[in-house]
């Protein structure tokens, strides 16, 4: 009987231990004394009222030379960086119980003056949303942590806003921590069409000083007509890359500009067989930029354009273009449309300039077949 009693008691003990073990497994016990901050997986942006509440939150002012130096020491004993780190920690500690505020990085770029200063003091509770992804940037004092990728158009838009609002923190973030998403060949060439999409000062500021001096001379002033090429140059300098195989690029230019009729676009041909008619192209700058992006970019200069067995354009006296139809000679030539026709017809090798650019013209003819 006594043996049976002990057997039942032992069975109950083991059963209770199993139950207790199971209960422990079912509970989410953390490390004692460690409070894990909940990280939301939502991409929602906080209501504006929460941002205003955070900006209105009263903070004790940081004193770099407190009477009690036991915690951070005095400014005289620390480097400027040490003081800065101590200030960030000082404000962070006051905000531990304040919920984080999620805001658009576009909104951050619009801030300046006292509002931006107040936000920087409260940086530990600020999350900046990526404009194109469900991803957030963290502020640490006046610096955004990490490097990120986004479309070049969005980078330019952010930078233009930061320039116009004089937000130097956002400007530095764009210049040093954003990498443009890869661009297709078509996007790269189409970007050469838009000289008026952004102010000159925005693109000038985005280019390093030494680069501006190399491409635009000692005064470093960017012409309105060169804004598009300069945007593509900025894309390259920020680490931008072209998707896929690098096409060969051929730029067609007239031997003279005297007597040109019709529109003033420049013909750009790619090894995919596409023809682009780019307005006001700065050819030397465009060629350098395309080469920096890995393209095999070449120029073909034509003094003569074959149109048909009875018609052609040619540079004559004093560098003037003339259009010949049989025995009839007329001043002026529509270089653009006639050259495009010659490219599509595969008759570039009938131009008098063929021998000078034989290799490039043969390649163009091959790509049109």
Protein backbone atom coordinates (compact mmCIF):
# COMPACT_ATOMS: atom_id res chain seq x y z
CA UNK A 1 0.00 0.00 0.00
CA UNK A 2 2.81 2.38 0.97
CA UNK A 3 4.60 1.56 -2.30
CA UNK A 4 1.46 2.37 -4.28
CA UNK A 5 1.13 5.73 -2.44
CA UNK A 6 4.71 6.72 -3.34
CA UNK A 7 4.19 5.63 -6.94
CA UNK A 8 1.09 7.84 -7.29
CA UNK A 9 2.85 10.79 -5.62
CA UNK A 10 5.87 10.49 -7.96
CA UNK A 11 3.60 10.30 -10.99
CA UNK A 12 1.81 13.52 -9.90
CA UNK A 13 5.13 15.30 -9.39
CA UNK A 14 6.41 14.34 -12.85
CA UNK A 15 3.06 15.31 -14.35
CA UNK A 16 3.18 18.74 -12.68
CA UNK A 17 6.77 19.23 -13.84
CA UNK A 18 5.75 18.46 -17.41
CA UNK A 19 2.83 20.87 -17.15
CA UNK A 20 5.06 23.58 -15.69
CA UNK A 21 7.62 23.01 -18.43
CA UNK A 22 4.93 23.29 -21.08
CA UNK A 23 3.61 26.47 -19.45
CA UNK A 24 7.08 28.02 -19.52
CA UNK A 25 7.44 27.17 -23.20
CA UNK A 26 4.05 28.74 -23.93
CA UNK A 27 5.02 32.02 -22.26
CA UNK A 28 7.27 34.56 -24.02
CA UNK A 29 9.85 35.16 -21.31
CA UNK A 30 12.51 37.77 -22.13
CA UNK A 31 15.88 38.44 -20.59
CA UNK A 32 15.36 39.84 -17.06
CA UNK A 33 15.71 43.62 -17.04
CA UNK A 34 15.68 43.87 -20.84
CA UNK A 35 12.79 45.72 -22.49
CA UNK A 36 12.52 44.99 -26.18
CA UNK A 37 11.06 47.83 -28.23
CA UNK A 38 8.17 46.76 -30.43
CA UNK A 39 8.96 47.30 -34.08
CA UNK A 40 5.89 47.87 -36.24
CA UNK A 41 5.89 46.17 -39.61
CA UNK A 42 3.38 48.62 -41.07
CA UNK A 43 4.37 51.21 -43.64
CA UNK A 44 1.78 53.71 -42.44
CA UNK A 45 2.87 57.28 -41.81
CA UNK A 46 2.07 58.92 -38.46
CA UNK A 47 -0.63 61.54 -38.33
CA UNK A 48 0.71 65.10 -38.36
CA UNK A 49 -0.59 65.69 -34.84
CA UNK A 50 1.91 63.16 -33.46
CA UNK A 51 4.78 64.99 -35.12
CA UNK A 52 3.53 68.27 -33.64
CA UNK A 53 3.22 66.67 -30.22
CA UNK A 54 6.79 65.40 -30.46
CA UNK A 55 8.07 68.83 -31.50
CA UNK A 56 6.18 70.37 -28.55
CA UNK A 57 7.59 67.84 -26.08
CA UNK A 58 9.58 69.82 -23.50
CA UNK A 59 13.23 68.79 -23.24
CA UNK A 60 15.71 69.81 -20.58
CA UNK A 61 18.38 71.87 -22.27
CA UNK A 62 21.75 70.19 -22.68
CA UNK A 63 24.56 71.85 -20.72
CA UNK A 64 28.03 70.95 -22.01
CA UNK A 65 29.57 72.28 -18.78
CA UNK A 66 27.34 71.00 -15.97
CA UNK A 67 28.20 71.50 -12.31
CA UNK A 68 28.00 67.75 -11.77
CA UNK A 69 30.42 66.25 -14.32
CA UNK A 70 30.13 62.72 -13.03
CA UNK A 71 27.93 61.62 -15.94
CA UNK A 72 29.34 63.22 -19.06
CA UNK A 73 32.36 65.19 -17.93
CA UNK A 74 32.92 68.83 -18.86
CA UNK A 75 33.29 70.16 -22.36
CA UNK A 76 36.87 71.11 -21.58
CA UNK A 77 37.71 67.45 -21.07
CA UNK A 78 35.98 66.20 -24.23
CA UNK A 79 36.46 66.56 -27.96
CA UNK A 80 33.79 68.28 -30.07
CA UNK A 81 32.62 64.83 -31.20
CA UNK A 82 32.36 63.65 -27.59
CA UNK A 83 30.22 66.66 -26.71
CA UNK A 84 27.99 65.98 -29.71
CA UNK A 85 27.54 62.33 -28.73
CA UNK A 86 26.79 63.31 -25.13
CA UNK A 87 24.14 65.77 -26.31
CA UNK A 88 22.46 63.12 -28.48
CA UNK A 89 22.38 60.65 -25.58
CA UNK A 90 21.11 63.33 -23.19
CA UNK A 91 18.07 64.07 -25.35
CA UNK A 92 17.50 60.41 -26.22
CA UNK A 93 17.23 59.46 -22.55
CA UNK A 94 14.43 61.98 -22.04
CA UNK A 95 12.39 60.46 -24.88
CA UNK A 96 12.49 56.76 -24.01
CA UNK A 97 8.76 56.63 -23.25
CA UNK A 98 7.70 58.69 -26.29
CA UNK A 99 6.38 56.60 -29.21
CA UNK A 100 8.26 56.95 -32.51
CA UNK A 101 6.89 59.16 -35.27
CA UNK A 102 6.99 57.98 -38.88
CA UNK A 103 7.27 60.70 -41.48
CA UNK A 104 8.04 60.91 -45.19
CA UNK A 105 11.62 61.71 -46.08
CA UNK A 106 10.13 64.24 -48.54
CA UNK A 107 8.60 66.06 -45.54
CA UNK A 108 11.93 65.98 -43.73
CA UNK A 109 13.61 67.65 -46.74
CA UNK A 110 11.18 70.58 -46.50
CA UNK A 111 12.09 71.42 -42.90
CA UNK A 112 14.49 74.13 -41.88
CA UNK A 113 15.35 76.65 -39.19
CA UNK A 114 14.03 76.13 -35.66
CA UNK A 115 11.69 73.32 -36.74
CA UNK A 116 14.60 71.27 -38.10
CA UNK A 117 16.69 71.97 -34.98
CA UNK A 118 13.84 70.81 -32.74
CA UNK A 119 13.44 67.67 -34.83
CA UNK A 120 17.16 66.87 -34.62
CA UNK A 121 17.04 67.11 -30.82
CA UNK A 122 14.25 64.51 -30.93
CA UNK A 123 15.92 62.37 -33.61
CA UNK A 124 15.72 59.14 -31.59
CA UNK A 125 11.94 59.08 -32.05
CA UNK A 126 11.95 59.88 -35.78
CA UNK A 127 11.67 57.34 -38.59
CA UNK A 128 11.91 58.56 -42.19
CA UNK A 129 10.06 56.50 -44.78
CA UNK A 130 11.72 55.56 -48.03
CA UNK A 131 9.72 57.20 -50.87
CA UNK A 132 9.51 54.00 -52.93
CA UNK A 133 9.81 51.08 -50.49
CA UNK A 134 8.42 49.86 -47.18
CA UNK A 135 11.66 50.86 -45.52
CA UNK A 136 12.54 53.44 -42.87
CA UNK A 137 15.66 55.52 -42.25
CA UNK A 138 16.81 56.27 -38.72
CA UNK A 139 18.12 59.61 -37.59
CA UNK A 140 20.98 59.89 -35.12
CA UNK A 141 21.38 63.51 -34.22
CA UNK A 142 21.80 65.43 -37.47
CA UNK A 143 22.74 62.36 -39.53
CA UNK A 144 20.69 59.73 -41.32
CA UNK A 145 22.13 56.27 -40.69
CA UNK A 146 23.01 53.99 -43.60
CA UNK A 147 23.05 54.21 -47.38
CA UNK A 148 20.05 53.56 -49.58
CA UNK A 149 18.96 53.08 -53.18
CA UNK A 150 16.18 54.95 -54.91
CA UNK A 151 15.26 56.13 -58.39
CA UNK A 152 17.34 58.96 -59.80
CA UNK A 153 14.26 61.10 -60.41
CA UNK A 154 13.32 60.83 -56.73
CA UNK A 155 16.89 61.68 -55.68
CA UNK A 156 16.77 64.81 -57.85
CA UNK A 157 13.37 65.75 -56.46
CA UNK A 158 14.54 65.37 -52.85
CA UNK A 159 17.70 67.33 -53.53
CA UNK A 160 15.82 70.15 -55.25
CA UNK A 161 13.51 70.43 -52.23
CA UNK A 162 16.44 70.41 -49.79
CA UNK A 163 18.24 73.11 -51.81
CA UNK A 164 15.18 75.34 -52.03
CA UNK A 165 14.47 74.92 -48.29
CA UNK A 166 18.17 75.32 -47.34
CA UNK A 167 18.09 71.97 -45.48
CA UNK A 168 21.82 71.15 -45.42
CA UNK A 169 21.30 67.87 -43.54
CA UNK A 170 19.02 66.54 -46.28
CA UNK A 171 21.41 67.83 -48.94
CA UNK A 172 24.35 65.96 -47.41
CA UNK A 173 22.20 62.84 -47.09
CA UNK A 174 21.37 62.93 -50.81
CA UNK A 175 24.94 63.68 -51.91
CA UNK A 176 26.66 61.02 -49.82
CA UNK A 177 24.19 58.30 -48.84
CA UNK A 178 21.85 57.75 -51.76
CA UNK A 179 22.67 55.52 -54.72
CA UNK A 180 20.53 55.78 -57.86
CA UNK A 181 18.65 52.68 -58.94
CA UNK A 182 19.98 51.20 -62.18
CA UNK A 183 18.71 52.94 -65.29
CA UNK A 184 17.81 51.39 -68.63
CA UNK A 185 19.55 52.54 -71.80
CA UNK A 186 16.30 54.11 -73.00
CA UNK A 187 15.86 56.01 -69.72
CA UNK A 188 19.45 57.28 -69.91
CA UNK A 189 19.02 58.59 -73.44
CA UNK A 190 15.57 60.03 -72.80
CA UNK A 191 16.99 61.94 -69.84
CA UNK A 192 19.03 63.94 -72.37
CA UNK A 193 15.79 65.47 -73.67
CA UNK A 194 14.92 67.47 -70.54
CA UNK A 195 17.01 70.61 -70.04
CA UNK A 196 14.33 72.40 -68.05
CA UNK A 197 13.23 69.78 -65.51
CA UNK A 198 15.44 71.21 -62.76
CA UNK A 199 17.01 74.54 -61.89
CA UNK A 200 20.62 75.04 -62.88
CA UNK A 201 21.69 75.69 -59.27
CA UNK A 202 20.29 72.31 -58.17
CA UNK A 203 22.39 70.34 -60.66
CA UNK A 204 25.44 72.59 -60.12
CA UNK A 205 25.31 71.97 -56.37
CA UNK A 206 25.00 68.22 -56.85
CA UNK A 207 28.24 68.09 -58.89
CA UNK A 208 31.60 68.25 -57.02
CA UNK A 209 33.58 71.45 -57.52
CA UNK A 210 36.47 69.77 -59.36
CA UNK A 211 34.03 68.12 -61.78
CA UNK A 212 32.30 71.44 -62.48
CA UNK A 213 35.66 73.05 -63.22
CA UNK A 214 36.67 70.27 -65.62
CA UNK A 215 33.42 70.31 -67.58
CA UNK A 216 32.31 73.94 -67.31
CA UNK A 217 35.53 75.93 -66.90
CA UNK A 218 36.84 78.12 -64.13
CA UNK A 219 33.55 79.95 -63.54
CA UNK A 220 31.85 76.53 -63.07
CA UNK A 221 28.60 77.92 -64.46
CA UNK A 222 26.21 75.44 -66.00
CA UNK A 223 24.37 76.55 -69.14
CA UNK A 224 20.63 75.90 -69.33
CA UNK A 225 21.18 73.87 -72.50
CA UNK A 226 23.59 71.56 -70.62
CA UNK A 227 21.34 70.71 -67.68
CA UNK A 228 20.18 67.39 -69.17
CA UNK A 229 23.73 66.15 -69.85
CA UNK A 230 24.77 67.32 -66.38
CA UNK A 231 21.94 65.35 -64.77
CA UNK A 232 23.26 62.21 -66.43
CA UNK A 233 26.77 63.15 -65.27
CA UNK A 234 25.45 63.46 -61.70
CA UNK A 235 23.82 60.03 -62.05
CA UNK A 236 27.21 58.57 -62.95
CA UNK A 237 29.06 60.35 -60.12
CA UNK A 238 26.50 59.17 -57.54
CA UNK A 239 27.30 55.57 -58.51
CA UNK A 240 24.48 55.03 -60.97
CA UNK A 241 24.73 52.13 -63.40
CA UNK A 242 23.03 51.12 -66.63
CA UNK A 243 20.99 47.92 -66.72
CA UNK A 244 22.14 45.02 -68.84
CA UNK A 245 24.50 45.10 -71.78
CA UNK A 246 26.04 48.45 -72.65
CA UNK A 247 24.85 49.40 -76.13
CA UNK A 248 27.11 51.10 -78.62
CA UNK A 249 26.16 54.73 -79.11
CA UNK A 250 26.70 56.72 -82.31
CA UNK A 251 26.13 60.47 -82.45
CA UNK A 252 25.65 62.05 -85.89
CA UNK A 253 26.70 65.67 -86.35
CA UNK A 254 26.83 67.94 -89.41
CA UNK A 255 30.25 69.09 -90.63
CA UNK A 256 28.92 72.66 -90.54
CA UNK A 257 25.92 74.38 -88.97
CA UNK A 258 25.54 76.95 -91.74
CA UNK A 259 22.40 76.56 -93.80
CA UNK A 260 20.78 73.86 -91.68
CA UNK A 261 17.02 73.77 -92.11
CA UNK A 262 14.32 72.20 -90.01
CA UNK A 263 14.72 71.31 -86.35
CA UNK A 264 17.97 71.51 -84.40
CA UNK A 265 18.04 68.06 -82.79
CA UNK A 266 21.08 65.79 -82.71
CA UNK A 267 20.75 62.21 -83.95
CA UNK A 268 21.75 59.48 -81.49
CA UNK A 269 21.72 55.89 -82.76
CA UNK A 270 22.15 52.77 -80.60
CA UNK A 271 23.24 49.25 -81.42
CA UNK A 272 19.66 48.13 -80.70
CA UNK A 273 18.64 49.96 -83.89
CA UNK A 274 16.84 52.81 -82.10
CA UNK A 275 17.15 56.41 -83.23
CA UNK A 276 16.82 59.30 -80.78
CA UNK A 277 16.49 62.93 -81.85
CA UNK A 278 17.90 64.92 -78.92
CA UNK A 279 17.40 68.72 -78.79
CA UNK A 280 20.30 71.07 -78.00
CA UNK A 281 22.75 68.28 -77.26
CA UNK A 282 26.20 69.27 -76.01
CA UNK A 283 27.96 66.55 -77.98
CA UNK A 284 31.41 66.56 -76.27
CA UNK A 285 29.80 66.55 -72.81
CA UNK A 286 27.26 63.88 -73.79
CA UNK A 287 29.96 61.61 -75.24
CA UNK A 288 32.08 61.92 -72.08
CA UNK A 289 29.10 61.17 -69.85
CA UNK A 290 28.01 58.16 -71.90
CA UNK A 291 31.55 56.80 -71.85
CA UNK A 292 31.72 57.25 -68.08
CA UNK A 293 28.63 55.02 -67.88
CA UNK A 294 30.40 52.29 -69.83
CA UNK A 295 29.07 52.92 -73.33
CA UNK A 296 31.21 52.69 -76.43
CA UNK A 297 30.20 56.14 -77.65
CA UNK A 298 31.42 57.53 -80.98
CA UNK A 299 30.73 60.54 -83.17
CA UNK A 300 30.16 60.49 -86.93
CA UNK A 301 30.59 63.85 -88.68
CA UNK A 302 28.96 64.09 -92.10
CA UNK A 303 29.84 66.66 -94.82
CA UNK A 304 27.56 64.90 -97.31
CA UNK A 305 24.22 63.09 -96.91
CA UNK A 306 22.95 60.67 -99.58
CA UNK A 307 19.18 60.96 -100.04
CA UNK A 308 18.46 59.12 -103.31
CA UNK A 309 20.09 58.41 -106.67
CA UNK A 310 19.02 61.88 -107.78
CA UNK A 311 19.32 63.85 -104.52
CA UNK A 312 21.86 64.65 -101.81
CA UNK A 313 22.98 67.34 -99.35
CA UNK A 314 26.54 68.61 -99.24
CA UNK A 315 28.64 71.30 -97.55
CA UNK A 316 29.89 73.75 -100.15
CA UNK A 317 31.42 77.23 -100.28
CA UNK A 318 32.12 78.94 -96.94
CA UNK A 319 30.81 75.90 -95.08
CA UNK A 320 27.25 76.35 -96.35
CA UNK A 321 24.94 73.37 -96.80
CA UNK A 322 23.30 72.92 -100.21
CA UNK A 323 20.61 70.52 -101.39
CA UNK A 324 21.13 69.07 -104.88
CA UNK A 325 18.26 67.57 -106.87
CA UNK A 326 19.52 66.53 -110.30
CA UNK A 327 21.03 69.70 -111.75
CA UNK A 328 19.18 71.98 -109.34
CA UNK A 329 21.17 73.43 -106.42
CA UNK A 330 19.38 75.04 -103.48
CA UNK A 331 20.88 76.69 -100.41
CA UNK A 332 20.10 74.91 -97.14
CA UNK A 333 19.57 71.31 -96.08
CA UNK A 334 17.29 69.49 -93.64
CA UNK A 335 20.19 67.53 -92.16
CA UNK A 336 18.16 65.81 -89.45
CA UNK A 337 15.41 64.19 -91.50
CA UNK A 338 17.69 63.33 -94.43
CA UNK A 339 20.32 61.71 -92.18
CA UNK A 340 17.65 59.72 -90.35
CA UNK A 341 16.39 58.53 -93.76
CA UNK A 342 19.91 57.53 -94.79
CA UNK A 343 20.37 55.58 -91.54
CA UNK A 344 17.09 53.70 -92.01
CA UNK A 345 17.77 53.05 -95.70
CA UNK A 346 21.28 51.76 -94.97
CA UNK A 347 22.87 54.25 -97.39
CA UNK A 348 25.36 55.93 -95.05
CA UNK A 349 28.21 54.22 -96.93
CA UNK A 350 27.29 56.35 -99.96
CA UNK A 351 28.23 59.51 -98.08
CA UNK A 352 31.48 61.26 -99.00
CA UNK A 353 32.40 61.13 -95.32
CA UNK A 354 32.26 57.32 -95.33
CA UNK A 355 36.02 56.74 -95.58
CA UNK A 356 36.72 58.86 -92.48
CA UNK A 357 34.18 57.01 -90.33
CA UNK A 358 34.10 53.68 -92.16
CA UNK A 359 34.27 51.43 -89.10
CA UNK A 360 31.49 53.26 -87.24
CA UNK A 361 29.25 53.60 -90.32
CA UNK A 362 29.66 49.89 -91.14
CA UNK A 363 28.52 49.07 -87.60
CA UNK A 364 25.48 51.34 -87.89
CA UNK A 365 24.51 49.74 -91.21
CA UNK A 366 24.89 46.29 -89.64
CA UNK A 367 22.57 47.24 -86.75
CA UNK A 368 19.86 48.55 -89.12
CA UNK A 369 19.58 45.26 -90.98
